[in-house]
C-alpha atoms as a PDB file:
ATOM      1  CA  MET A   1       0.176  -0.229   0.010  1.00  0.00           C
ATOM      2  CA  GLN A   2       1.666   3.327  -0.993  1.00  0.00           C
ATOM      3  CA  LEU A   3       0.982   6.463   1.047  1.00  0.00           C
ATOM      4  CA  ALA A   4       1.106   9.861  -0.190  1.00  0.00           C
ATOM      5  CA  PRO A   5       4.290  12.086   0.935  1.00  0.00           C
ATOM      6  CA  MET A   6       3.132  14.322   3.862  1.00  0.00           C
ATOM      7  CA  ALA A   7       4.710  17.518   4.622  1.00  0.00           C
ATOM      8  CA  PRO A   8       6.757  17.904   7.688  1.00  0.00           C
ATOM      9  CA  ALA A   9       4.955  18.823  10.712  1.00  0.00           C
ATOM     10  CA  SER A  10       6.522  21.988  11.304  1.00  0.00           C
ATOM     11  CA  ALA A  11       5.389  23.403   7.878  1.00  0.00           C
ATOM     12  CA  ASP A  12       1.626  22.490   8.799  1.00  0.00           C
ATOM     13  CA  ALA A  13       2.516  24.254  11.987  1.00  0.00           C
ATOM     14  CA  CYS A  14       3.527  27.627  10.524  1.00  0.00           C
ATOM     15  CA  PRO A  15       0.831  29.923   8.914  1.00  0.00           C
ATOM     16  CA  ASP A  16       1.563  32.652   6.826  1.00  0.00           C
ATOM     17  CA  ALA A  17       0.854  35.406   9.696  1.00  0.00           C
ATOM     18  CA  GLU A  18      -0.042  34.752  13.339  1.00  0.00           C
ATOM     19  CA  VAL A  19      -1.885  37.564  15.095  1.00  0.00           C
ATOM     20  CA  VAL A  20      -1.096  37.888  18.892  1.00  0.00           C
ATOM     21  CA  PHE A  21      -3.836  39.796  20.596  1.00  0.00           C
ATOM     22  CA  ALA A  22      -4.721  41.021  24.360  1.00  0.00           C
ATOM     23  CA  ARG A  23      -8.240  41.637  25.450  1.00  0.00           C
ATOM     24  CA  GLY A  24      -9.348  44.506  27.274  1.00  0.00           C
ATOM     25  CA  THR A  25     -10.323  45.067  30.907  1.00  0.00           C
ATOM     26  CA  THR A  26     -12.968  42.247  32.211  1.00  0.00           C
ATOM     27  CA  GLU A  27     -13.463  40.714  29.134  1.00  0.00           C
ATOM     28  CA  VAL A  28     -13.945  37.347  29.016  1.00  0.00           C
ATOM     29  CA  PRO A  29     -10.798  35.181  27.973  1.00  0.00           C
ATOM     30  CA  GLY A  30      -9.765  35.083  24.306  1.00  0.00           C
ATOM     31  CA  VAL A  31      -9.093  38.177  22.027  1.00  0.00           C
ATOM     32  CA  GLY A  32     -12.375  40.106  23.338  1.00  0.00           C
ATOM     33  CA  PRO A  33     -14.846  41.699  21.207  1.00  0.00           C
ATOM     34  CA  THR A  34     -12.448  44.408  19.590  1.00  0.00           C
ATOM     35  CA  GLY A  35     -10.136  41.401  18.751  1.00  0.00           C
ATOM     36  CA  GLU A  36     -12.328  39.405  17.054  1.00  0.00           C
ATOM     37  CA  ALA A  37     -13.874  42.332  14.667  1.00  0.00           C
ATOM     38  CA  PHE A  38     -10.010  42.688  13.986  1.00  0.00           C
ATOM     39  CA  VAL A  39      -9.082  39.697  13.099  1.00  0.00           C
ATOM     40  CA  ASP A  40     -12.264  39.252  10.776  1.00  0.00           C
ATOM     41  CA  SER A  41     -11.282  42.195   9.177  1.00  0.00           C
ATOM     42  CA  LEU A  42      -7.868  41.274   8.296  1.00  0.00           C
ATOM     43  CA  ARG A  43      -8.875  37.962   7.244  1.00  0.00           C
ATOM     44  CA  SER A  44     -11.244  39.290   4.645  1.00  0.00           C
ATOM     45  CA  ARG A  45      -7.979  41.192   3.374  1.00  0.00           C
ATOM     46  CA  VAL A  46      -5.305  38.715   3.198  1.00  0.00           C
ATOM     47  CA  GLY A  47      -6.947  36.530   0.410  1.00  0.00           C
ATOM     48  CA  ALA A  48      -5.350  33.143   0.457  1.00  0.00           C
ATOM     49  CA  LYS A  49      -2.766  33.656   3.120  1.00  0.00           C
ATOM     50  CA  SER A  50      -3.197  31.298   6.409  1.00  0.00           C
ATOM     51  CA  LEU A  51      -3.745  33.396   9.809  1.00  0.00           C
ATOM     52  CA  ARG A  52      -3.465  32.021  13.183  1.00  0.00           C
ATOM     53  CA  VAL A  53      -4.655  33.842  16.249  1.00  0.00           C
ATOM     54  CA  TYR A  54      -3.321  33.717  19.606  1.00  0.00           C
ATOM     55  CA  ALA A  55      -4.715  35.401  22.468  1.00  0.00           C
ATOM     56  CA  VAL A  56      -2.636  36.425  25.083  1.00  0.00           C
ATOM     57  CA  ASP A  57      -3.207  34.675  28.625  1.00  0.00           C
ATOM     58  CA  TYR A  58      -3.821  37.245  31.369  1.00  0.00           C
ATOM     59  CA  PRO A  59      -6.110  38.135  34.013  1.00  0.00           C
ATOM     60  CA  ALA A  60      -7.267  41.575  32.187  1.00  0.00           C
ATOM     61  CA  THR A  61      -9.112  42.495  35.616  1.00  0.00           C
ATOM     62  CA  THR A  62      -9.243  45.768  37.390  1.00  0.00           C
ATOM     63  CA  ASP A  63      -5.860  44.687  39.265  1.00  0.00           C
ATOM     64  CA  PHE A  64      -3.546  46.217  36.881  1.00  0.00           C
ATOM     65  CA  PRO A  65      -0.552  45.292  38.257  1.00  0.00           C
ATOM     66  CA  THR A  66      -1.297  41.871  37.055  1.00  0.00           C
ATOM     67  CA  ALA A  67      -1.037  43.079  33.466  1.00  0.00           C
ATOM     68  CA  VAL A  68       2.455  41.945  33.888  1.00  0.00           C
ATOM     69  CA  GLU A  69       1.740  38.321  33.219  1.00  0.00           C
ATOM     70  CA  GLY A  70       0.209  39.633  29.990  1.00  0.00           C
ATOM     71  CA  ILE A  71       3.577  41.144  29.167  1.00  0.00           C
ATOM     72  CA  SER A  72       5.490  37.533  29.808  1.00  0.00           C
ATOM     73  CA  ASP A  73       2.787  35.404  27.974  1.00  0.00           C
ATOM     74  CA  ALA A  74       2.870  37.620  25.264  1.00  0.00           C
ATOM     75  CA  ARG A  75       6.634  37.922  24.970  1.00  0.00           C
ATOM     76  CA  THR A  76       7.204  34.141  25.562  1.00  0.00           C
ATOM     77  CA  HIS A  77       4.734  33.258  22.576  1.00  0.00           C
ATOM     78  CA  VAL A  78       6.513  35.715  20.065  1.00  0.00           C
ATOM     79  CA  LEU A  79       9.967  34.492  21.079  1.00  0.00           C
ATOM     80  CA  ALA A  80       9.141  31.081  20.451  1.00  0.00           C
ATOM     81  CA  THR A  81       7.280  31.569  17.003  1.00  0.00           C
ATOM     82  CA  ALA A  82       9.810  33.778  15.742  1.00  0.00           C
ATOM     83  CA  ALA A  83      12.158  30.869  16.387  1.00  0.00           C
ATOM     84  CA  SER A  84      10.119  27.664  15.382  1.00  0.00           C
ATOM     85  CA  CYS A  85       8.159  29.643  12.561  1.00  0.00           C
ATOM     86  CA  PRO A  86      11.117  32.416  11.136  1.00  0.00           C
ATOM     87  CA  HIS A  87       9.037  32.930   8.138  1.00  0.00           C
ATOM     88  CA  THR A  88       5.802  33.700   9.883  1.00  0.00           C
ATOM     89  CA  LYS A  89       4.822  37.345  10.092  1.00  0.00           C
ATOM     90  CA  ILE A  90       3.450  38.094  13.335  1.00  0.00           C
ATOM     91  CA  VAL A  91       1.104  40.604  14.234  1.00  0.00           C
ATOM     92  CA  LEU A  92       0.775  42.424  17.664  1.00  0.00           C
ATOM     93  CA  GLY A  93      -2.254  43.707  19.091  1.00  0.00           C
ATOM     94  CA  GLY A  94      -4.295  44.934  21.721  1.00  0.00           C
ATOM     95  CA  PHE A  95      -7.429  46.642  23.001  1.00  0.00           C
ATOM     96  CA  SER A  96      -7.196  48.981  26.038  1.00  0.00           C
ATOM     97  CA  GLN A  97      -5.297  47.451  28.809  1.00  0.00           C
ATOM     98  CA  GLY A  98      -4.581  44.818  26.395  1.00  0.00           C
ATOM     99  CA  ALA A  99      -3.032  47.641  24.041  1.00  0.00           C
ATOM    100  CA  ALA A 100      -1.090  48.592  27.292  1.00  0.00           C
ATOM    101  CA  VAL A 101       0.355  44.678  27.638  1.00  0.00           C
ATOM    102  CA  THR A 102       1.230  44.935  23.819  1.00  0.00           C
ATOM    103  CA  GLY A 103       2.822  48.032  23.820  1.00  0.00           C
ATOM    104  CA  PHE A 104       5.401  47.237  26.422  1.00  0.00           C
ATOM    105  CA  VAL A 105       5.938  44.007  24.944  1.00  0.00           C
ATOM    106  CA  THR A 106       7.536  46.009  22.074  1.00  0.00           C
ATOM    107  CA  ALA A 107       9.459  48.175  24.672  1.00  0.00           C
ATOM    108  CA  ASN A 108      13.377  48.327  24.145  1.00  0.00           C
ATOM    109  CA  ALA A 109      13.992  49.561  27.831  1.00  0.00           C
ATOM    110  CA  VAL A 110      12.573  48.583  31.346  1.00  0.00           C
ATOM    111  CA  PRO A 111      10.681  51.855  32.236  1.00  0.00           C
ATOM    112  CA  ASP A 112      11.872  54.202  34.612  1.00  0.00           C
ATOM    113  CA  GLY A 113      11.087  53.667  38.157  1.00  0.00           C
ATOM    114  CA  VAL A 114      10.587  49.839  37.480  1.00  0.00           C
ATOM    115  CA  SER A 115      12.759  47.249  38.669  1.00  0.00           C
ATOM    116  CA  ALA A 116      14.011  44.965  36.127  1.00  0.00           C
ATOM    117  CA  SER A 117      13.706  41.789  38.419  1.00  0.00           C
ATOM    118  CA  ASP A 118       9.748  42.853  38.499  1.00  0.00           C
ATOM    119  CA  VAL A 119       9.213  42.833  34.583  1.00  0.00           C
ATOM    120  CA  PRO A 120      10.031  40.843  31.802  1.00  0.00           C
ATOM    121  CA  ALA A 121      13.559  41.794  29.722  1.00  0.00           C
ATOM    122  CA  PRO A 122      12.848  43.543  26.859  1.00  0.00           C
ATOM    123  CA  MET A 123      12.642  41.281  23.713  1.00  0.00           C
ATOM    124  CA  PRO A 124      16.305  40.608  21.664  1.00  0.00           C
ATOM    125  CA  PRO A 125      16.283  43.426  18.630  1.00  0.00           C
ATOM    126  CA  ASP A 126      16.176  41.207  16.219  1.00  0.00           C
ATOM    127  CA  VAL A 127      12.923  39.914  16.854  1.00  0.00           C
ATOM    128  CA  ALA A 128      11.304  43.263  15.378  1.00  0.00           C
ATOM    129  CA  ASP A 129      12.252  41.528  12.195  1.00  0.00           C
ATOM    130  CA  HIS A 130       9.699  38.773  12.791  1.00  0.00           C
ATOM    131  CA  VAL A 131       6.955  41.396  13.349  1.00  0.00           C
ATOM    132  CA  ALA A 132       5.267  42.747  10.443  1.00  0.00           C
ATOM    133  CA  ALA A 133       2.951  45.407  12.163  1.00  0.00           C
ATOM    134  CA  VAL A 134       1.582  46.571  15.797  1.00  0.00           C
ATOM    135  CA  ALA A 135      -1.698  47.427  16.266  1.00  0.00           C
ATOM    136  CA  LEU A 136      -3.143  49.270  19.218  1.00  0.00           C
ATOM    137  CA  PHE A 137      -6.685  50.278  19.984  1.00  0.00           C
ATOM    138  CA  GLY A 138      -7.742  52.474  22.795  1.00  0.00           C
ATOM    139  CA  LYS A 139      -4.095  52.652  24.533  1.00  0.00           C
ATOM    140  CA  PRO A 140      -4.262  54.362  28.266  1.00  0.00           C
ATOM    141  CA  SER A 141      -2.592  57.609  27.894  1.00  0.00           C
ATOM    142  CA  PRO A 142       0.221  58.886  30.226  1.00  0.00           C
ATOM    143  CA  ARG A 143      -2.790  60.484  32.192  1.00  0.00           C
ATOM    144  CA  PHE A 144      -4.556  57.630  32.928  1.00  0.00           C
ATOM    145  CA  MET A 145      -1.131  55.320  33.349  1.00  0.00           C
ATOM    146  CA  HIS A 146      -0.413  58.016  35.863  1.00  0.00           C
ATOM    147  CA  ALA A 147      -3.736  57.802  37.501  1.00  0.00           C
ATOM    148  CA  ILE A 148      -3.147  53.905  38.013  1.00  0.00           C
ATOM    149  CA  ASN A 149       0.372  54.281  39.127  1.00  0.00           C
ATOM    150  CA  ASP A 150       2.037  52.606  36.340  1.00  0.00           C
ATOM    151  CA  PRO A 151       4.414  54.174  33.699  1.00  0.00           C
ATOM    152  CA  PRO A 152       3.221  55.393  30.207  1.00  0.00           C
ATOM    153  CA  VAL A 153       3.200  53.075  27.439  1.00  0.00           C
ATOM    154  CA  THR A 154       6.179  53.507  25.378  1.00  0.00           C
ATOM    155  CA  VAL A 155       6.409  51.469  21.890  1.00  0.00           C
ATOM    156  CA  GLY A 156       9.903  50.601  20.983  1.00  0.00           C
ATOM    157  CA  GLN A 157      12.074  52.694  18.458  1.00  0.00           C
ATOM    158  CA  GLN A 158      12.184  49.607  15.956  1.00  0.00           C
ATOM    159  CA  TYR A 159       8.451  48.972  16.122  1.00  0.00           C
ATOM    160  CA  LEU A 160       7.126  52.624  15.524  1.00  0.00           C
ATOM    161  CA  ALA A 161       6.717  52.786  12.040  1.00  0.00           C
ATOM    162  CA  LYS A 162       5.120  49.636  11.779  1.00  0.00           C
ATOM    163  CA  THR A 163       2.389  50.269  14.682  1.00  0.00           C
ATOM    164  CA  ILE A 164      -1.147  52.087  14.258  1.00  0.00           C
ATOM    165  CA  ASP A 165      -2.119  53.674  17.508  1.00  0.00           C
ATOM    166  CA  LEU A 166      -6.007  54.560  17.302  1.00  0.00           C
ATOM    167  CA  CYS A 167      -7.822  56.562  19.824  1.00  0.00           C
ATOM    168  CA  VAL A 168     -11.310  57.318  19.488  1.00  0.00           C
ATOM    169  CA  ASP A 169     -11.698  60.845  19.993  1.00  0.00           C
ATOM    170  CA  ASN A 170     -13.101  62.146  23.502  1.00  0.00           C
ATOM    171  CA  ASP A 171     -12.030  58.351  24.676  1.00  0.00           C
ATOM    172  CA  LEU A 172     -11.360  58.961  28.789  1.00  0.00           C
ATOM    173  CA  VAL A 173      -8.742  55.897  28.429  1.00  0.00           C
ATOM    174  CA  CYS A 174      -6.747  56.862  25.655  1.00  0.00           C
ATOM    175  CA  ASP A 175      -7.577  60.564  24.656  1.00  0.00           C
ATOM    176  CA  PRO A 176      -5.433  62.918  27.100  1.00  0.00           C
ATOM    177  CA  ASP A 177      -8.487  65.330  27.213  1.00  0.00           C
ATOM    178  CA  GLY A 178     -11.082  62.413  26.743  1.00  0.00           C
ATOM    179  CA  ARG A 179     -14.229  62.835  29.254  1.00  0.00           C
ATOM    180  CA  SER A 180     -16.247  59.748  27.745  1.00  0.00           C
ATOM    181  CA  PHE A 181     -16.052  56.446  28.988  1.00  0.00           C
ATOM    182  CA  SER A 182     -18.616  54.947  26.285  1.00  0.00           C
ATOM    183  CA  ALA A 183     -16.425  56.495  23.710  1.00  0.00           C
ATOM    184  CA  HIS A 184     -13.925  53.383  24.593  1.00  0.00           C
ATOM    185  CA  ASN A 185     -16.578  50.881  23.221  1.00  0.00           C
ATOM    186  CA  GLU A 186     -17.105  52.517  20.076  1.00  0.00           C
ATOM    187  CA  TYR A 187     -13.701  51.118  17.864  1.00  0.00           C
ATOM    188  CA  VAL A 188     -15.918  48.929  15.868  1.00  0.00           C
ATOM    189  CA  ASP A 189     -18.409  51.479  15.035  1.00  0.00           C
ATOM    190  CA  THR A 190     -16.440  54.334  14.322  1.00  0.00           C
ATOM    191  CA  GLY A 191     -14.561  52.117  11.560  1.00  0.00           C
ATOM    192  CA  MET A 192     -11.409  52.348  13.258  1.00  0.00           C
ATOM    193  CA  VAL A 193     -10.859  48.713  13.863  1.00  0.00           C
ATOM    194  CA  ASP A 194     -11.296  48.183   9.783  1.00  0.00           C
ATOM    195  CA  GLN A 195      -8.718  51.061   9.730  1.00  0.00           C
ATOM    196  CA  GLY A 196      -6.300  49.124  11.809  1.00  0.00           C
ATOM    197  CA  ALA A 197      -6.915  46.168   9.852  1.00  0.00           C
ATOM    198  CA  ALA A 198      -6.199  47.754   6.292  1.00  0.00           C
ATOM    199  CA  PHE A 199      -2.677  49.132   7.811  1.00  0.00           C
ATOM    200  CA  VAL A 200      -1.646  45.819   8.974  1.00  0.00           C
ATOM    201  CA  ALA A 201      -2.668  44.103   5.421  1.00  0.00           C
ATOM    202  CA  ASN A 202      -0.836  46.488   3.990  1.00  0.00           C
ATOM    203  CA  GLN A 203       2.039  45.914   6.307  1.00  0.00           C
ATOM    204  CA  LEU A 204       1.951  42.026   5.798  1.00  0.00           C
ATOM    205  CA  GLN A 205       1.908  42.385   1.973  1.00  0.00           C
ATOM    206  CA  ALA A 206       4.689  44.551   1.780  1.00  0.00           C
ATOM    207  CA  SER A 207       6.494  41.841   4.086  1.00  0.00           C
ATOM    208  CA  TRP A 208       5.419  38.919   2.072  1.00  0.00           C
ATOM    209  CA  ALA A 209       6.485  40.629  -1.121  1.00  0.00           C
ATOM    210  CA  ALA A 210       9.793  41.416   0.273  1.00  0.00           C
ATOM    211  CA  ASP A 211      10.721  37.725   0.914  1.00  0.00           C
ATOM    212  CA  VAL A 212      10.021  36.738  -2.656  1.00  0.00           C
ATOM    213  CA  PRO A 213      13.379  36.854  -4.668  1.00  0.00           C
ATOM    214  CA  ALA A 214      13.618  38.583  -8.027  1.00  0.00           C
ATOM    215  CA  ALA A 215      13.411  36.416 -11.127  1.00  0.00           C
ATOM    216  CA  PRO A 216      17.393  36.420 -12.419  1.00  0.00           C
ATOM    217  CA  PRO A 217      17.604  37.154 -16.152  1.00  0.00           C
ATOM    218  CA  ALA A 218      17.519  34.570 -18.386  1.00  0.00           C
ATOM    219  CA  ALA A 219      21.184  33.530 -19.472  1.00  0.00           C
ATOM    220  CA  GLY A 220      22.061  32.710 -22.857  1.00  0.00           C
ATOM    221  CA  ALA A 221      18.552  33.246 -24.449  1.00  0.00           C
ATOM    222  CA  THR A 222      18.652  32.939 -27.975  1.00  0.00           C
ATOM    223  CA  PRO A 223      16.107  34.252 -30.346  1.00  0.00           C
ATOM    224  CA  SER A 224      13.351  31.528 -31.975  1.00  0.00           C
ATOM    225  CA  PRO A 225      13.752  30.370 -35.654  1.00  0.00           C
ATOM    226  CA  LEU A 226      11.163  32.442 -36.897  1.00  0.00           C
ATOM    227  CA  THR A 227      12.199  35.560 -35.194  1.00  0.00           C
ATOM    228  CA  ALA A 228      15.780  34.866 -36.519  1.00  0.00           C
ATOM    229  CA  SER A 229      14.480  34.293 -40.218  1.00  0.00           C
ATOM    230  CA  ALA A 230      12.081  36.911 -40.371  1.00  0.00           C
ATOM    231  CA  PRO A 231      13.233  39.704 -43.239  1.00  0.00           C
ATOM    232  CA  PRO A 232      13.602  42.997 -41.777  1.00  0.00           C
ATOM    233  CA  ALA A 233      10.408  45.539 -41.714  1.00  0.00           C
ATOM    234  CA  ALA A 234      11.698  47.574 -44.318  1.00  0.00           C
ATOM    235  CA  SER A 235      11.845  45.088 -46.832  1.00  0.00           C
ATOM    236  CA  ALA A 236       8.254  43.510 -46.252  1.00  0.00           C
ATOM    237  CA  GLY A 237       7.325  46.231 -48.787  1.00  0.00           C
ATOM    238  CA  PRO A 238       7.330  49.621 -50.191  1.00  0.00           C
ATOM    239  CA  SER A 239       7.827  52.416 -47.655  1.00  0.00           C
ATOM    240  CA  PRO A 240       4.301  54.736 -47.724  1.00  0.00           C
ATOM    241  CA  HIS A 241       6.582  57.576 -48.065  1.00  0.00           C
ATOM    242  CA  LEU A 242       8.005  56.522 -51.497  1.00  0.00           C
ATOM    243  CA  PRO A 243       6.212  57.009 -54.868  1.00  0.00           C
ATOM    244  CA  SER A 244       3.595  54.244 -55.698  1.00  0.00           C
ATOM    245  CA  ALA A 245       4.840  54.407 -59.640  1.00  0.00           C
ATOM    246  CA  PRO A 246       6.955  51.507 -60.653  1.00  0.00           C
ATOM    247  CA  LEU A 247      10.754  51.699 -60.212  1.00  0.00           C
ATOM    248  CA  THR A 248      13.126  52.129 -63.536  1.00  0.00           C
ATOM    249  CA  PRO A 249      14.564  48.475 -64.326  1.00  0.00           C
ATOM    250  CA  PRO A 250      17.873  48.016 -64.177  1.00  0.00           C
ATOM    251  CA  GLY A 251      20.169  48.532 -67.082  1.00  0.00           C
ATOM    252  CA  PRO A 252      21.340  52.036 -68.928  1.00  0.00           C
ATOM    253  CA  THR A 253      20.000  54.835 -68.454  1.00  0.00           C
ATOM    254  CA  THR A 254      19.884  57.461 -71.251  1.00  0.00           C
ATOM    255  CA  PRO A 255      22.229  60.419 -70.207  1.00  0.00           C
ATOM    256  CA  ILE A 256      20.767  63.444 -69.537  1.00  0.00           C
ATOM    257  CA  ALA A 257      22.638  66.789 -71.577  1.00  0.00           C
ATOM    258  CA  PRO A 258      23.903  69.526 -69.737  1.00  0.00           C
ATOM    259  CA  PRO A 259      22.479  72.778 -69.740  1.00  0.00           C
ATOM    260  CA  PRO A 260      23.614  75.224 -72.077  1.00  0.00           C
ATOM    261  CA  PRO A 261      26.204  77.561 -70.867  1.00  0.00           C
ATOM    262  CA  VAL A 262      25.125  80.942 -69.529  1.00  0.00           C
ATOM    263  CA  GLY A 263      26.972  84.249 -70.989  1.00  0.00           C
ATOM    264  CA  PRO A 264      27.897  86.765 -68.603  1.00  0.00           C
ATOM    265  CA  LEU A 265      25.916  89.358 -67.494  1.00  0.00           C
ATOM    266  CA  ALA A 266      25.542  92.632 -69.625  1.00  0.00           C
END
């Protein structure tokens, strides 16, 4: 009995892209409603490319210091994915407290006033090459982080160009002058989730395109026999700029008498 050859298990386990998303405060385990809408919108934009989703595992409660568990979990997962699936494009995302978690994951230094022993170490710089995009929705502002006695969220320098940081106007959590908490739940209705998905899809497409090697020019190419034996275009027929009268047949021609000499002027 012959069996069809099977692809290596490692190849099956590595998608074209993976979304690592952290949900917001008090949302049930998973990626949360904002994360689900974001993933659905992104799937519709990447065509036949495979997309895997990982929900960051952390409490997501109002006990905000426990967010460090999310930073550690996301960091561990990103490092493992970059090592085991080096060609998979990683997308980091988060909503509300989850956006703070994701922002801290990208940080290239431990925040001022925080003991390095209390938080995960920054990811190695080369990991940024595996991250195609970062999408943050309702990331807590410095004002909000100060109110809960936490350092401000600073996206690492290597991730800034590939990050979209979206905040609904007047959102109490992310807008420095915001006063409305209800605005914090309007990222789907305002179209910002689709905006974030469009940005991420463009980043992914550019990253995939950059991985495709340019086709080398064909070496030693020779023209086809038809092309080689074809007569020059000029001999195919009379040029439209030439007279249509028949040409003089070959042979001796009658000499033309020179004009009579002209005498001097009087």
